[in-house]
């Protein structure tokens, strides 16, 4: 969870919403953001289940790791594009 929050702060500092990006980069970023939205709903649903269930905890950990991977990819998309464009 901490790594996820760190990556979210990185995206906020990078201010991705105010930067101009090409269509390909925008498409990739949109796909990653859609996947993040779906994953966030799954994490939310698992949070409402029985907390004592060890299978639930293991699955929730996998979901958080997947979320970190998607956020990391999203940061890479924006940073790589900005570096490529000389920003």
N, C-alpha and C. Protein backbone atom coordinates (compact mmCIF):
# COMPACT_ATOMS: atom_id res chain seq x y z
N UNK A 1 0.82 -1.19 0.00
CA UNK A 1 0.00 0.00 0.00
C UNK A 1 0.87 1.26 0.00
N UNK A 2 1.96 1.20 0.73
CA UNK A 2 2.85 2.35 0.81
C UNK A 2 3.46 2.65 -0.57
N UNK A 3 3.87 1.62 -1.27
CA UNK A 3 4.46 1.82 -2.61
C UNK A 3 3.41 2.39 -3.57
N UNK A 4 2.19 1.92 -3.45
CA UNK A 4 1.10 2.43 -4.27
C UNK A 4 0.90 3.93 -4.02
N UNK A 5 0.89 4.33 -2.77
CA UNK A 5 0.73 5.74 -2.42
C UNK A 5 1.90 6.57 -2.94
N UNK A 6 3.09 6.02 -2.85
CA UNK A 6 4.29 6.72 -3.35
C UNK A 6 4.18 6.97 -4.86
N UNK A 7 3.75 5.96 -5.59
CA UNK A 7 3.61 6.11 -7.04
C UNK A 7 2.50 7.10 -7.39
N UNK A 8 1.43 7.10 -6.62
CA UNK A 8 0.35 8.07 -6.85
C UNK A 8 0.87 9.49 -6.65
N UNK A 9 1.67 9.70 -5.61
CA UNK A 9 2.26 11.02 -5.37
C UNK A 9 3.19 11.42 -6.51
N UNK A 10 3.93 10.46 -7.04
CA UNK A 10 4.81 10.73 -8.18
C UNK A 10 4.00 11.22 -9.37
N UNK A 11 2.89 10.56 -9.65
CA UNK A 11 2.04 10.99 -10.76
C UNK A 11 1.47 12.38 -10.51
N UNK A 12 1.09 12.67 -9.27
CA UNK A 12 0.57 14.00 -8.96
C UNK A 12 1.64 15.06 -9.14
N UNK A 13 2.85 14.79 -8.67
CA UNK A 13 3.95 15.74 -8.82
C UNK A 13 4.29 15.96 -10.29
N UNK A 14 4.17 14.90 -11.07
CA UNK A 14 4.47 14.98 -12.49
C UNK A 14 3.40 15.77 -13.23
N UNK A 15 2.20 15.90 -12.62
CA UNK A 15 1.08 16.66 -13.17
C UNK A 15 0.74 16.20 -14.58
N UNK A 16 0.42 14.92 -14.70
CA UNK A 16 0.19 14.30 -16.01
C UNK A 16 -1.01 14.90 -16.74
N UNK A 17 -1.97 15.43 -16.00
CA UNK A 17 -3.17 15.97 -16.65
C UNK A 17 -2.90 17.25 -17.42
N UNK A 18 -1.83 17.96 -17.08
CA UNK A 18 -1.57 19.24 -17.74
C UNK A 18 -0.54 19.12 -18.87
N UNK A 19 -0.01 17.95 -19.10
CA UNK A 19 1.01 17.77 -20.13
C UNK A 19 0.39 17.31 -21.45
N UNK A 20 0.95 17.81 -22.52
CA UNK A 20 0.53 17.37 -23.85
C UNK A 20 1.25 16.06 -24.18
N UNK A 21 0.50 15.07 -24.63
CA UNK A 21 1.09 13.79 -25.00
C UNK A 21 0.52 13.36 -26.35
N UNK A 22 1.24 12.50 -27.02
CA UNK A 22 0.77 12.02 -28.32
C UNK A 22 -0.34 10.99 -28.13
N UNK A 23 -1.00 10.66 -29.22
CA UNK A 23 -2.13 9.74 -29.17
C UNK A 23 -1.79 8.36 -28.67
N UNK A 24 -0.64 7.85 -29.07
CA UNK A 24 -0.23 6.50 -28.63
C UNK A 24 -0.02 6.47 -27.12
N UNK A 25 0.67 7.49 -26.60
CA UNK A 25 0.91 7.56 -25.17
C UNK A 25 -0.40 7.71 -24.41
N UNK A 26 -1.29 8.55 -24.95
CA UNK A 26 -2.59 8.75 -24.31
C UNK A 26 -3.40 7.46 -24.27
N UNK A 27 -3.33 6.68 -25.34
CA UNK A 27 -4.05 5.41 -25.40
C UNK A 27 -3.50 4.42 -24.37
N UNK A 28 -2.20 4.33 -24.29
CA UNK A 28 -1.58 3.42 -23.31
C UNK A 28 -1.93 3.86 -21.90
N UNK A 29 -1.82 5.16 -21.62
CA UNK A 29 -2.14 5.68 -20.29
C UNK A 29 -3.61 5.41 -19.95
N UNK A 30 -4.50 5.60 -20.91
CA UNK A 30 -5.93 5.37 -20.66
C UNK A 30 -6.21 3.90 -20.35
N UNK A 31 -5.55 3.01 -21.07
CA UNK A 31 -5.73 1.57 -20.80
C UNK A 31 -5.25 1.21 -19.40
N UNK A 32 -4.10 1.73 -19.03
CA UNK A 32 -3.58 1.47 -17.68
C UNK A 32 -4.51 2.04 -16.62
N UNK A 33 -5.03 3.23 -16.84
CA UNK A 33 -5.95 3.84 -15.89
C UNK A 33 -7.25 3.05 -15.79
N UNK A 34 -7.74 2.53 -16.91
CA UNK A 34 -8.93 1.68 -16.89
C UNK A 34 -8.68 0.41 -16.07
N UNK A 35 -7.52 -0.20 -16.28
CA UNK A 35 -7.16 -1.40 -15.52
C UNK A 35 -7.06 -1.08 -14.03
N UNK A 36 -6.51 0.08 -13.71
CA UNK A 36 -6.42 0.51 -12.31
C UNK A 36 -7.81 0.67 -11.70
N UNK A 37 -8.73 1.24 -12.45
CA UNK A 37 -10.10 1.41 -11.96
C UNK A 37 -10.76 0.08 -11.67
N UNK A 38 -10.59 -0.87 -12.56
CA UNK A 38 -11.15 -2.21 -12.36
C UNK A 38 -10.52 -2.87 -11.13
N UNK A 39 -9.23 -2.75 -11.01
CA UNK A 39 -8.50 -3.33 -9.88
C UNK A 39 -8.91 -2.67 -8.57
N UNK A 40 -9.09 -1.37 -8.59
CA UNK A 40 -9.52 -0.67 -7.37
C UNK A 40 -10.88 -1.16 -6.90
N UNK A 41 -11.79 -1.43 -7.83
CA UNK A 41 -13.10 -1.97 -7.45
C UNK A 41 -12.95 -3.36 -6.83
N UNK A 42 -12.06 -4.18 -7.38
CA UNK A 42 -11.83 -5.51 -6.82
C UNK A 42 -11.24 -5.41 -5.41
N UNK A 43 -10.30 -4.50 -5.22
CA UNK A 43 -9.69 -4.31 -3.90
C UNK A 43 -10.76 -3.87 -2.89
N UNK A 44 -11.61 -2.97 -3.33
CA UNK A 44 -12.69 -2.50 -2.46
C UNK A 44 -13.62 -3.63 -2.07
N UNK A 45 -13.98 -4.48 -3.03
CA UNK A 45 -14.87 -5.61 -2.74
C UNK A 45 -14.22 -6.59 -1.76
N UNK A 46 -12.94 -6.87 -1.95
CA UNK A 46 -12.26 -7.79 -1.06
C UNK A 46 -12.11 -7.22 0.34
N UNK A 47 -12.06 -5.91 0.44
CA UNK A 47 -11.98 -5.27 1.75
C UNK A 47 -13.23 -5.49 2.57
N UNK A 48 -14.36 -5.75 1.90
CA UNK A 48 -15.63 -5.94 2.60
C UNK A 48 -15.85 -7.40 3.03
N UNK A 49 -15.01 -8.30 2.60
CA UNK A 49 -15.18 -9.72 2.93
C UNK A 49 -14.61 -10.03 4.31
N UNK A 50 -14.84 -11.26 4.74
CA UNK A 50 -14.38 -11.73 6.05
C UNK A 50 -12.87 -11.57 6.18
N UNK A 51 -12.44 -10.73 7.09
CA UNK A 51 -11.02 -10.44 7.26
C UNK A 51 -10.22 -11.61 7.81
N UNK A 52 -10.88 -12.57 8.41
CA UNK A 52 -10.18 -13.72 9.00
C UNK A 52 -9.84 -14.79 7.96
N UNK A 53 -10.39 -14.67 6.77
CA UNK A 53 -10.17 -15.67 5.73
C UNK A 53 -8.76 -15.50 5.13
N UNK A 54 -7.86 -16.48 5.33
CA UNK A 54 -6.49 -16.35 4.82
C UNK A 54 -6.43 -16.30 3.29
N UNK A 55 -7.36 -16.94 2.60
CA UNK A 55 -7.37 -16.88 1.14
C UNK A 55 -7.68 -15.47 0.67
N UNK A 56 -8.57 -14.80 1.37
CA UNK A 56 -8.91 -13.42 1.04
C UNK A 56 -7.70 -12.52 1.19
N UNK A 57 -6.96 -12.71 2.27
CA UNK A 57 -5.79 -11.88 2.52
C UNK A 57 -4.72 -12.09 1.45
N UNK A 58 -4.51 -13.32 1.06
CA UNK A 58 -3.51 -13.61 0.02
C UNK A 58 -3.94 -13.01 -1.32
N UNK A 59 -5.22 -13.13 -1.63
CA UNK A 59 -5.72 -12.58 -2.89
C UNK A 59 -5.64 -11.06 -2.87
N UNK A 60 -5.96 -10.45 -1.75
CA UNK A 60 -5.90 -9.00 -1.65
C UNK A 60 -4.45 -8.52 -1.81
N UNK A 61 -3.51 -9.25 -1.26
CA UNK A 61 -2.09 -8.90 -1.43
C UNK A 61 -1.69 -8.96 -2.91
N UNK A 62 -2.15 -9.98 -3.61
CA UNK A 62 -1.87 -10.08 -5.05
C UNK A 62 -2.47 -8.89 -5.81
N UNK A 63 -3.69 -8.49 -5.42
CA UNK A 63 -4.32 -7.34 -6.07
C UNK A 63 -3.51 -6.06 -5.84
N UNK A 64 -3.02 -5.86 -4.61
CA UNK A 64 -2.22 -4.67 -4.32
C UNK A 64 -0.90 -4.69 -5.09
N UNK A 65 -0.31 -5.86 -5.22
CA UNK A 65 0.93 -5.95 -5.99
C UNK A 65 0.68 -5.65 -7.47
N UNK A 66 -0.45 -6.13 -7.97
CA UNK A 66 -0.81 -5.85 -9.36
C UNK A 66 -1.05 -4.35 -9.54
N UNK A 67 -1.67 -3.73 -8.54
CA UNK A 67 -1.93 -2.28 -8.60
C UNK A 67 -0.61 -1.51 -8.67
N UNK A 68 0.35 -1.91 -7.85
CA UNK A 68 1.66 -1.26 -7.86
C UNK A 68 2.31 -1.43 -9.24
N UNK A 69 2.19 -2.61 -9.83
CA UNK A 69 2.75 -2.84 -11.16
C UNK A 69 2.13 -1.93 -12.21
N UNK A 70 0.80 -1.77 -12.14
CA UNK A 70 0.12 -0.89 -13.10
C UNK A 70 0.52 0.57 -12.89
N UNK A 71 0.59 0.99 -11.63
CA UNK A 71 1.01 2.37 -11.35
C UNK A 71 2.44 2.62 -11.81
N UNK A 72 3.29 1.65 -11.59
CA UNK A 72 4.68 1.77 -12.03
C UNK A 72 4.75 1.91 -13.55
N UNK A 73 3.95 1.12 -14.24
CA UNK A 73 3.90 1.20 -15.71
C UNK A 73 3.37 2.57 -16.14
N UNK A 74 2.37 3.09 -15.44
CA UNK A 74 1.81 4.40 -15.78
C UNK A 74 2.84 5.50 -15.57
N UNK A 75 3.58 5.43 -14.48
CA UNK A 75 4.65 6.41 -14.24
C UNK A 75 5.68 6.30 -15.37
N UNK A 76 6.06 5.09 -15.73
CA UNK A 76 7.04 4.90 -16.81
C UNK A 76 6.54 5.51 -18.12
N UNK A 77 5.28 5.31 -18.43
CA UNK A 77 4.71 5.85 -19.67
C UNK A 77 4.86 7.36 -19.69
N UNK A 78 4.51 8.01 -18.61
CA UNK A 78 4.58 9.47 -18.57
C UNK A 78 6.01 9.98 -18.49
N UNK A 79 6.84 9.36 -17.70
CA UNK A 79 8.23 9.81 -17.56
C UNK A 79 9.00 9.57 -18.86
N UNK A 80 8.84 8.41 -19.45
CA UNK A 80 9.53 8.09 -20.70
C UNK A 80 9.11 9.05 -21.81
N UNK A 81 7.83 9.32 -21.89
CA UNK A 81 7.33 10.23 -22.93
C UNK A 81 7.88 11.63 -22.70
N UNK A 82 7.87 12.07 -21.44
CA UNK A 82 8.36 13.41 -21.14
C UNK A 82 9.85 13.51 -21.44
N UNK A 83 10.61 12.48 -21.11
CA UNK A 83 12.04 12.48 -21.38
C UNK A 83 12.30 12.48 -22.88
N UNK A 84 11.52 11.68 -23.59
CA UNK A 84 11.67 11.58 -25.04
C UNK A 84 11.39 12.92 -25.71
N UNK A 85 10.40 13.64 -25.18
CA UNK A 85 10.02 14.93 -25.75
C UNK A 85 10.91 16.06 -25.27
N UNK A 86 11.83 15.75 -24.37
CA UNK A 86 12.74 16.77 -23.86
C UNK A 86 12.12 17.61 -22.76
N UNK A 87 11.08 17.10 -22.12
CA UNK A 87 10.42 17.85 -21.05
C UNK A 87 11.11 17.63 -19.73
